[in-house]
Amino acid sequence: MPKIRTSKSKPPPDGFELIEPTLNDLDKKMRDIENESTDGKRKTEALWPIFRLHHQRSRFIYDIYYKRKAISKALYDWCIKQGYADQALIAKWRKQGYEKLCCLRCIQPKDTDFGTTCVCRVPRNKLEEGRVVTCMHCGCRGCASGS
């Protein structure tokens, strides 16, 4: 969640008014997801929508800075510092092979049973025919760049 702005905090850099409506919508969706009932869901399944929205918000900041070049470096750094985007996830997206990475937990070998990356990182053409893959961490159905 982004930091709460007070009267003593620095004002956002120029250009924030262009992305503020989208970020406010994403924050509202996040609050709705957090307040949603988790009855009938596994413990990990309850967190999947939060991971998806976190990914969406970070991808939005990444796209407008690196792809469209619509915001300044100062605004990008301010968004990272305020918690609107995940700096480590964006750093991975810039590396070859990680362009579609869903979350950082999928590439951490310590979080899996066999000490490898998550099954969602396996390209679809390497999986069995008709096999449906769902990540146990974030609910991703495949984030390998070669898919």
N, C-alpha and C. Protein backbone atom coordinates (compact mmCIF):
# COMPACT_ATOMS: atom_id res chain seq x y z
N MET A 1 0.83 -1.17 0.00
CA MET A 1 0.00 0.00 0.00
C MET A 1 0.88 1.24 0.00
N PRO A 2 0.47 2.25 -0.72
CA PRO A 2 1.23 3.49 -0.72
C PRO A 2 1.19 4.18 0.64
N LYS A 3 2.19 4.99 0.87
CA LYS A 3 2.24 5.75 2.11
C LYS A 3 1.13 6.79 2.13
N ILE A 4 0.68 7.15 3.29
CA ILE A 4 -0.34 8.17 3.45
C ILE A 4 0.32 9.54 3.37
N ARG A 5 -0.22 10.40 2.53
CA ARG A 5 0.33 11.74 2.39
C ARG A 5 -0.24 12.66 3.47
N THR A 6 0.64 13.36 4.15
CA THR A 6 0.24 14.32 5.18
C THR A 6 0.68 15.70 4.75
N SER A 7 0.39 16.68 5.58
CA SER A 7 0.78 18.05 5.24
C SER A 7 2.29 18.24 5.29
N LYS A 8 3.00 17.38 6.02
CA LYS A 8 4.45 17.50 6.13
C LYS A 8 5.20 16.72 5.05
N SER A 9 4.52 15.82 4.35
CA SER A 9 5.21 15.04 3.32
C SER A 9 5.42 15.87 2.06
N LYS A 10 6.42 15.50 1.29
CA LYS A 10 6.75 16.22 0.07
C LYS A 10 5.61 16.04 -0.94
N PRO A 11 5.29 17.07 -1.66
CA PRO A 11 4.25 16.93 -2.69
C PRO A 11 4.78 16.07 -3.85
N PRO A 12 3.88 15.43 -4.57
CA PRO A 12 4.34 14.62 -5.69
C PRO A 12 4.93 15.48 -6.81
N PRO A 13 5.84 14.93 -7.60
CA PRO A 13 6.42 15.69 -8.72
C PRO A 13 5.37 15.99 -9.79
N ASP A 14 5.76 16.85 -10.70
CA ASP A 14 4.87 17.20 -11.81
C ASP A 14 4.53 15.96 -12.62
N GLY A 15 3.30 15.88 -13.06
CA GLY A 15 2.85 14.76 -13.86
C GLY A 15 2.07 13.73 -13.08
N PHE A 16 2.08 13.84 -11.75
CA PHE A 16 1.36 12.86 -10.94
C PHE A 16 -0.14 12.95 -11.17
N GLU A 17 -0.62 14.14 -11.50
CA GLU A 17 -2.06 14.29 -11.73
C GLU A 17 -2.53 13.48 -12.94
N LEU A 18 -1.61 13.10 -13.83
CA LEU A 18 -1.98 12.28 -14.98
C LEU A 18 -2.22 10.82 -14.59
N ILE A 19 -1.46 10.32 -13.63
CA ILE A 19 -1.59 8.91 -13.25
C ILE A 19 -2.38 8.71 -11.96
N GLU A 20 -2.67 9.79 -11.26
CA GLU A 20 -3.37 9.69 -9.98
C GLU A 20 -4.73 9.01 -10.07
N PRO A 21 -5.58 9.30 -11.07
CA PRO A 21 -6.89 8.62 -11.12
C PRO A 21 -6.76 7.10 -11.23
N THR A 22 -5.82 6.63 -12.04
CA THR A 22 -5.62 5.18 -12.19
C THR A 22 -5.12 4.57 -10.89
N LEU A 23 -4.17 5.23 -10.25
CA LEU A 23 -3.65 4.71 -8.99
C LEU A 23 -4.72 4.73 -7.89
N ASN A 24 -5.57 5.74 -7.88
CA ASN A 24 -6.66 5.79 -6.91
C ASN A 24 -7.66 4.66 -7.15
N ASP A 25 -7.96 4.37 -8.43
CA ASP A 25 -8.85 3.25 -8.76
C ASP A 25 -8.26 1.92 -8.29
N LEU A 26 -6.96 1.75 -8.51
CA LEU A 26 -6.30 0.51 -8.08
C LEU A 26 -6.28 0.40 -6.56
N ASP A 27 -6.10 1.52 -5.87
CA ASP A 27 -6.15 1.51 -4.40
C ASP A 27 -7.54 1.14 -3.89
N LYS A 28 -8.55 1.65 -4.56
CA LYS A 28 -9.93 1.33 -4.18
C LYS A 28 -10.20 -0.16 -4.38
N LYS A 29 -9.73 -0.70 -5.51
CA LYS A 29 -9.89 -2.14 -5.77
C LYS A 29 -9.16 -2.96 -4.71
N MET A 30 -7.98 -2.50 -4.30
CA MET A 30 -7.21 -3.20 -3.28
C MET A 30 -7.97 -3.23 -1.96
N ARG A 31 -8.56 -2.12 -1.57
CA ARG A 31 -9.35 -2.08 -0.33
C ARG A 31 -10.54 -3.03 -0.42
N ASP A 32 -11.19 -3.07 -1.59
CA ASP A 32 -12.33 -3.98 -1.77
C ASP A 32 -11.89 -5.44 -1.65
N ILE A 33 -10.75 -5.76 -2.23
CA ILE A 33 -10.24 -7.14 -2.16
C ILE A 33 -9.87 -7.50 -0.74
N GLU A 34 -9.24 -6.58 -0.02
CA GLU A 34 -8.85 -6.85 1.36
C GLU A 34 -10.06 -7.07 2.26
N ASN A 35 -11.17 -6.40 1.97
CA ASN A 35 -12.38 -6.53 2.78
C ASN A 35 -13.28 -7.68 2.33
N GLU A 36 -12.94 -8.31 1.22
CA GLU A 36 -13.72 -9.40 0.67
C GLU A 36 -13.67 -10.62 1.59
N SER A 37 -14.76 -11.37 1.61
CA SER A 37 -14.82 -12.56 2.44
C SER A 37 -13.94 -13.67 1.84
N THR A 38 -13.29 -14.43 2.70
CA THR A 38 -12.43 -15.52 2.24
C THR A 38 -13.01 -16.89 2.60
N ASP A 39 -14.30 -16.93 2.86
CA ASP A 39 -14.93 -18.20 3.21
C ASP A 39 -14.84 -19.18 2.06
N GLY A 40 -14.46 -20.40 2.36
CA GLY A 40 -14.39 -21.45 1.35
C GLY A 40 -13.13 -21.44 0.52
N LYS A 41 -12.21 -20.54 0.78
CA LYS A 41 -10.96 -20.48 0.03
C LYS A 41 -9.82 -21.01 0.90
N ARG A 42 -8.84 -21.59 0.23
CA ARG A 42 -7.63 -21.97 0.95
C ARG A 42 -6.89 -20.72 1.37
N LYS A 43 -6.01 -20.88 2.33
CA LYS A 43 -5.26 -19.74 2.86
C LYS A 43 -4.50 -19.01 1.75
N THR A 44 -3.86 -19.75 0.86
CA THR A 44 -3.10 -19.13 -0.21
C THR A 44 -4.01 -18.53 -1.28
N GLU A 45 -5.14 -19.15 -1.55
CA GLU A 45 -6.06 -18.63 -2.56
C GLU A 45 -6.62 -17.27 -2.18
N ALA A 46 -6.75 -17.00 -0.92
CA ALA A 46 -7.28 -15.72 -0.47
C ALA A 46 -6.34 -14.57 -0.83
N LEU A 47 -5.05 -14.86 -0.99
CA LEU A 47 -4.07 -13.82 -1.30
C LEU A 47 -3.88 -13.60 -2.79
N TRP A 48 -4.37 -14.51 -3.63
CA TRP A 48 -4.15 -14.40 -5.07
C TRP A 48 -4.64 -13.09 -5.66
N PRO A 49 -5.83 -12.61 -5.34
CA PRO A 49 -6.26 -11.33 -5.93
C PRO A 49 -5.37 -10.15 -5.51
N ILE A 50 -4.82 -10.21 -4.31
CA ILE A 50 -3.93 -9.15 -3.85
C ILE A 50 -2.64 -9.16 -4.67
N PHE A 51 -2.10 -10.36 -4.93
CA PHE A 51 -0.91 -10.47 -5.76
C PHE A 51 -1.17 -9.95 -7.17
N ARG A 52 -2.33 -10.29 -7.74
CA ARG A 52 -2.66 -9.85 -9.09
C ARG A 52 -2.75 -8.32 -9.17
N LEU A 53 -3.39 -7.72 -8.19
CA LEU A 53 -3.54 -6.27 -8.21
C LEU A 53 -2.20 -5.57 -7.96
N HIS A 54 -1.37 -6.14 -7.11
CA HIS A 54 -0.03 -5.60 -6.89
C HIS A 54 0.77 -5.64 -8.19
N HIS A 55 0.66 -6.76 -8.92
CA HIS A 55 1.33 -6.91 -10.21
C HIS A 55 0.79 -5.87 -11.19
N GLN A 56 -0.51 -5.68 -11.23
CA GLN A 56 -1.13 -4.74 -12.15
C GLN A 56 -0.67 -3.31 -11.88
N ARG A 57 -0.59 -2.93 -10.62
CA ARG A 57 -0.16 -1.58 -10.27
C ARG A 57 1.31 -1.37 -10.62
N SER A 58 2.15 -2.35 -10.33
CA SER A 58 3.57 -2.23 -10.68
C SER A 58 3.77 -2.22 -12.19
N ARG A 59 3.00 -3.03 -12.91
CA ARG A 59 3.10 -3.07 -14.37
C ARG A 59 2.66 -1.74 -14.98
N PHE A 60 1.65 -1.10 -14.39
CA PHE A 60 1.20 0.20 -14.88
C PHE A 60 2.33 1.22 -14.79
N ILE A 61 2.98 1.29 -13.63
CA ILE A 61 4.10 2.24 -13.45
C ILE A 61 5.24 1.89 -14.40
N TYR A 62 5.54 0.61 -14.53
CA TYR A 62 6.62 0.16 -15.44
C TYR A 62 6.32 0.57 -16.87
N ASP A 63 5.11 0.32 -17.33
CA ASP A 63 4.75 0.62 -18.71
C ASP A 63 4.81 2.12 -19.02
N ILE A 64 4.29 2.93 -18.12
CA ILE A 64 4.28 4.36 -18.44
C ILE A 64 5.66 5.00 -18.34
N TYR A 65 6.58 4.35 -17.62
CA TYR A 65 7.92 4.91 -17.53
C TYR A 65 8.85 4.32 -18.60
N TYR A 66 8.91 3.01 -18.70
CA TYR A 66 9.86 2.37 -19.61
C TYR A 66 9.33 2.19 -21.03
N LYS A 67 8.06 1.89 -21.20
CA LYS A 67 7.52 1.63 -22.53
C LYS A 67 7.03 2.91 -23.21
N ARG A 68 6.15 3.65 -22.54
CA ARG A 68 5.56 4.85 -23.15
C ARG A 68 6.36 6.11 -22.88
N LYS A 69 7.23 6.09 -21.88
CA LYS A 69 8.04 7.24 -21.48
C LYS A 69 7.16 8.47 -21.25
N ALA A 70 6.06 8.26 -20.52
CA ALA A 70 5.09 9.33 -20.28
C ALA A 70 5.31 10.06 -18.97
N ILE A 71 6.16 9.52 -18.09
CA ILE A 71 6.43 10.19 -16.82
C ILE A 71 7.92 10.41 -16.66
N SER A 72 8.27 11.33 -15.79
CA SER A 72 9.68 11.66 -15.57
C SER A 72 10.34 10.67 -14.61
N LYS A 73 11.65 10.69 -14.58
CA LYS A 73 12.42 9.86 -13.66
C LYS A 73 12.09 10.22 -12.21
N ALA A 74 11.92 11.53 -11.95
CA ALA A 74 11.60 11.98 -10.59
C ALA A 74 10.25 11.41 -10.13
N LEU A 75 9.27 11.41 -11.01
CA LEU A 75 7.95 10.87 -10.66
C LEU A 75 8.01 9.36 -10.49
N TYR A 76 8.77 8.68 -11.36
CA TYR A 76 8.96 7.23 -11.24
C TYR A 76 9.60 6.89 -9.89
N ASP A 77 10.67 7.58 -9.53
CA ASP A 77 11.35 7.34 -8.25
C ASP A 77 10.42 7.63 -7.08
N TRP A 78 9.62 8.69 -7.18
CA TRP A 78 8.68 9.04 -6.12
C TRP A 78 7.63 7.93 -5.96
N CYS A 79 7.14 7.40 -7.07
CA CYS A 79 6.15 6.31 -7.02
C CYS A 79 6.73 5.06 -6.36
N ILE A 80 7.98 4.76 -6.67
CA ILE A 80 8.66 3.61 -6.05
C ILE A 80 8.80 3.87 -4.54
N LYS A 81 9.26 5.06 -4.19
CA LYS A 81 9.49 5.39 -2.78
C LYS A 81 8.19 5.38 -1.97
N GLN A 82 7.10 5.82 -2.59
CA GLN A 82 5.81 5.88 -1.91
C GLN A 82 5.12 4.52 -1.85
N GLY A 83 5.64 3.52 -2.54
CA GLY A 83 5.07 2.18 -2.47
C GLY A 83 4.01 1.89 -3.51
N TYR A 84 3.93 2.70 -4.55
CA TYR A 84 2.95 2.44 -5.61
C TYR A 84 3.39 1.28 -6.50
N ALA A 85 4.68 1.00 -6.55
CA ALA A 85 5.20 -0.08 -7.39
C ALA A 85 6.31 -0.82 -6.66
N ASP A 86 6.55 -2.04 -7.08
CA ASP A 86 7.57 -2.89 -6.47
C ASP A 86 8.86 -2.77 -7.28
N GLN A 87 9.87 -2.17 -6.70
CA GLN A 87 11.13 -1.92 -7.40
C GLN A 87 11.84 -3.21 -7.80
N ALA A 88 11.82 -4.20 -6.93
CA ALA A 88 12.51 -5.46 -7.23
C ALA A 88 11.82 -6.20 -8.39
N LEU A 89 10.50 -6.17 -8.42
CA LEU A 89 9.76 -6.82 -9.50
C LEU A 89 10.02 -6.11 -10.83
N ILE A 90 10.03 -4.80 -10.82
CA ILE A 90 10.31 -4.04 -12.04
C ILE A 90 11.73 -4.29 -12.52
N ALA A 91 12.68 -4.43 -11.60
CA ALA A 91 14.06 -4.72 -11.97
C ALA A 91 14.15 -6.08 -12.67
N LYS A 92 13.37 -7.05 -12.23
CA LYS A 92 13.35 -8.36 -12.89
C LYS A 92 12.72 -8.27 -14.26
N TRP A 93 11.65 -7.47 -14.42
CA TRP A 93 10.99 -7.34 -15.73
C TRP A 93 11.94 -6.79 -16.78
N ARG A 94 12.93 -6.03 -16.37
CA ARG A 94 13.88 -5.45 -17.31
C ARG A 94 14.91 -6.47 -17.78
N LYS A 95 15.02 -7.62 -17.12
CA LYS A 95 15.99 -8.64 -17.51
C LYS A 95 15.37 -9.61 -18.50
N GLN A 96 16.19 -10.11 -19.40
CA GLN A 96 15.72 -11.05 -20.41
C GLN A 96 15.29 -12.35 -19.73
N GLY A 97 14.12 -12.84 -20.13
CA GLY A 97 13.58 -14.07 -19.57
C GLY A 97 12.60 -13.85 -18.43
N TYR A 98 12.54 -12.64 -17.93
CA TYR A 98 11.65 -12.34 -16.81
C TYR A 98 10.61 -11.28 -17.16
N GLU A 99 10.39 -11.05 -18.46
CA GLU A 99 9.51 -9.97 -18.90
C GLU A 99 8.07 -10.14 -18.44
N LYS A 100 7.63 -11.37 -18.23
CA LYS A 100 6.24 -11.64 -17.85
C LYS A 100 6.11 -12.15 -16.41
N LEU A 101 7.15 -12.01 -15.62
CA LEU A 101 7.16 -12.54 -14.26
C LEU A 101 5.98 -12.02 -13.45
N CYS A 102 5.27 -12.92 -12.77
CA CYS A 102 4.06 -12.54 -12.02
C CYS A 102 4.39 -12.03 -10.62
N CYS A 103 5.31 -12.69 -9.93
CA CYS A 103 5.70 -12.25 -8.59
C CYS A 103 7.10 -12.79 -8.29
N LEU A 104 7.73 -12.21 -7.30
CA LEU A 104 9.10 -12.62 -6.97
C LEU A 104 9.16 -13.98 -6.29
N ARG A 105 8.07 -14.39 -5.67
CA ARG A 105 8.07 -15.69 -4.99
C ARG A 105 8.20 -16.85 -5.98
N CYS A 106 7.80 -16.63 -7.21
CA CYS A 106 7.86 -17.70 -8.21
C CYS A 106 9.27 -18.02 -8.67
N ILE A 107 10.22 -17.15 -8.41
CA ILE A 107 11.60 -17.44 -8.81
C ILE A 107 12.51 -17.73 -7.62
N GLN A 108 11.94 -17.75 -6.42
CA GLN A 108 12.74 -18.06 -5.23
C GLN A 108 12.69 -19.56 -4.98
N PRO A 109 13.82 -20.24 -5.11
CA PRO A 109 13.83 -21.69 -4.93
C PRO A 109 13.50 -22.15 -3.51
N LYS A 110 13.70 -21.30 -2.53
CA LYS A 110 13.45 -21.72 -1.15
C LYS A 110 11.95 -21.87 -0.85
N ASP A 111 11.08 -21.29 -1.69
CA ASP A 111 9.65 -21.35 -1.46
C ASP A 111 8.99 -22.57 -2.12
N THR A 112 9.76 -23.41 -2.81
CA THR A 112 9.19 -24.58 -3.48
C THR A 112 9.64 -25.85 -2.79
N ASP A 113 8.95 -26.93 -3.08
CA ASP A 113 9.24 -28.20 -2.43
C ASP A 113 10.56 -28.82 -2.87
N PHE A 114 10.92 -28.62 -4.14
CA PHE A 114 12.09 -29.30 -4.68
C PHE A 114 13.29 -28.38 -4.89
N GLY A 115 13.23 -27.17 -4.40
CA GLY A 115 14.36 -26.25 -4.51
C GLY A 115 14.57 -25.71 -5.91
N THR A 116 13.51 -25.61 -6.69
CA THR A 116 13.59 -25.03 -8.04
C THR A 116 12.61 -23.86 -8.11
N THR A 117 12.42 -23.33 -9.30
CA THR A 117 11.44 -22.26 -9.45
C THR A 117 10.03 -22.85 -9.54
N CYS A 118 9.06 -21.98 -9.52
CA CYS A 118 7.65 -22.38 -9.53
C CYS A 118 7.27 -23.02 -10.88
N VAL A 119 6.23 -23.82 -10.87
CA VAL A 119 5.78 -24.50 -12.08
C VAL A 119 5.23 -23.53 -13.12
N CYS A 120 4.79 -22.36 -12.70
CA CYS A 120 4.27 -21.38 -13.67
C CYS A 120 5.39 -20.79 -14.52
N ARG A 121 6.65 -20.99 -14.14
CA ARG A 121 7.78 -20.49 -14.91
C ARG A 121 8.18 -21.44 -16.03
N VAL A 122 7.58 -22.63 -16.10
CA VAL A 122 7.87 -23.59 -17.16
C VAL A 122 7.10 -23.19 -18.41
N PRO A 123 7.77 -23.06 -19.58
CA PRO A 123 7.04 -22.71 -20.80
C PRO A 123 5.96 -23.74 -21.13
N ARG A 124 4.86 -23.28 -21.68
CA ARG A 124 3.72 -24.16 -21.98
C ARG A 124 4.07 -25.29 -22.92
N ASN A 125 4.97 -25.05 -23.88
CA ASN A 125 5.32 -26.11 -24.83
C ASN A 125 6.15 -27.22 -24.18
N LYS A 126 6.66 -27.01 -22.99
CA LYS A 126 7.42 -28.04 -22.27
C LYS A 126 6.54 -28.86 -21.33
N LEU A 127 5.29 -28.43 -21.13
CA LEU A 127 4.37 -29.14 -20.25
C LEU A 127 3.60 -30.21 -21.02
N GLU A 128 2.97 -31.11 -20.28
CA GLU A 128 2.14 -32.13 -20.89
C GLU A 128 0.94 -31.49 -21.57
N GLU A 129 0.42 -32.14 -22.62
CA GLU A 129 -0.76 -31.64 -23.32
C GLU A 129 -1.94 -31.57 -22.38
N GLY A 130 -2.66 -30.47 -22.39
CA GLY A 130 -3.88 -30.34 -21.62
C GLY A 130 -3.70 -30.14 -20.12
N ARG A 131 -2.49 -30.03 -19.66
CA ARG A 131 -2.26 -29.85 -18.23
C ARG A 131 -2.48 -28.39 -17.85
N VAL A 132 -3.31 -28.16 -16.85
CA VAL A 132 -3.57 -26.81 -16.37
C VAL A 132 -2.62 -26.54 -15.21
N VAL A 133 -1.84 -25.49 -15.34
CA VAL A 133 -0.86 -25.13 -14.33
C VAL A 133 -1.35 -23.91 -13.57
N THR A 134 -1.34 -24.00 -12.25
CA THR A 134 -1.68 -22.87 -11.40
C THR A 134 -0.63 -22.76 -10.31
N CYS A 135 -0.06 -21.59 -10.19
CA CYS A 135 0.95 -21.34 -9.17
C CYS A 135 0.30 -21.37 -7.79
N MET A 136 0.94 -22.02 -6.84
CA MET A 136 0.38 -22.08 -5.50
C MET A 136 0.61 -20.79 -4.72
N HIS A 137 1.57 -19.97 -5.16
CA HIS A 137 1.87 -18.72 -4.46
C HIS A 137 0.90 -17.60 -4.82
N CYS A 138 0.70 -17.40 -6.14
CA CYS A 138 -0.06 -16.22 -6.57
C CYS A 138 -1.21 -16.53 -7.53
N GLY A 139 -1.40 -17.79 -7.90
CA GLY A 139 -2.51 -18.15 -8.77
C GLY A 139 -2.22 -17.94 -10.24
N CYS A 140 -0.99 -17.64 -10.60
CA CYS A 140 -0.60 -17.41 -11.98
C CYS A 140 -0.77 -18.70 -12.79
N ARG A 141 -1.14 -18.56 -14.04
CA ARG A 141 -1.33 -19.72 -14.91
C ARG A 141 -0.20 -19.84 -15.94
N GLY A 142 0.88 -19.17 -15.70
CA GLY A 142 2.03 -19.28 -16.60
C GLY A 142 2.63 -17.93 -16.89
N CYS A 143 3.84 -17.71 -16.41
CA CYS A 143 4.49 -16.41 -16.64
C CYS A 143 5.87 -16.57 -17.27
N ALA A 144 6.09 -17.71 -17.92
CA ALA A 144 7.38 -17.91 -18.58
C ALA A 144 7.42 -17.07 -19.85
N SER A 145 8.54 -16.43 -20.13
CA SER A 145 8.65 -15.54 -21.28
C SER A 145 8.61 -16.30 -22.59
N GLY A 146 8.96 -17.56 -22.57
CA GLY A 146 8.98 -18.35 -23.79
C GLY A 146 7.65 -19.00 -24.11
N SER A 147 6.60 -18.70 -23.35
CA SER A 147 5.29 -19.32 -23.57
C SER A 147 4.66 -18.87 -24.84
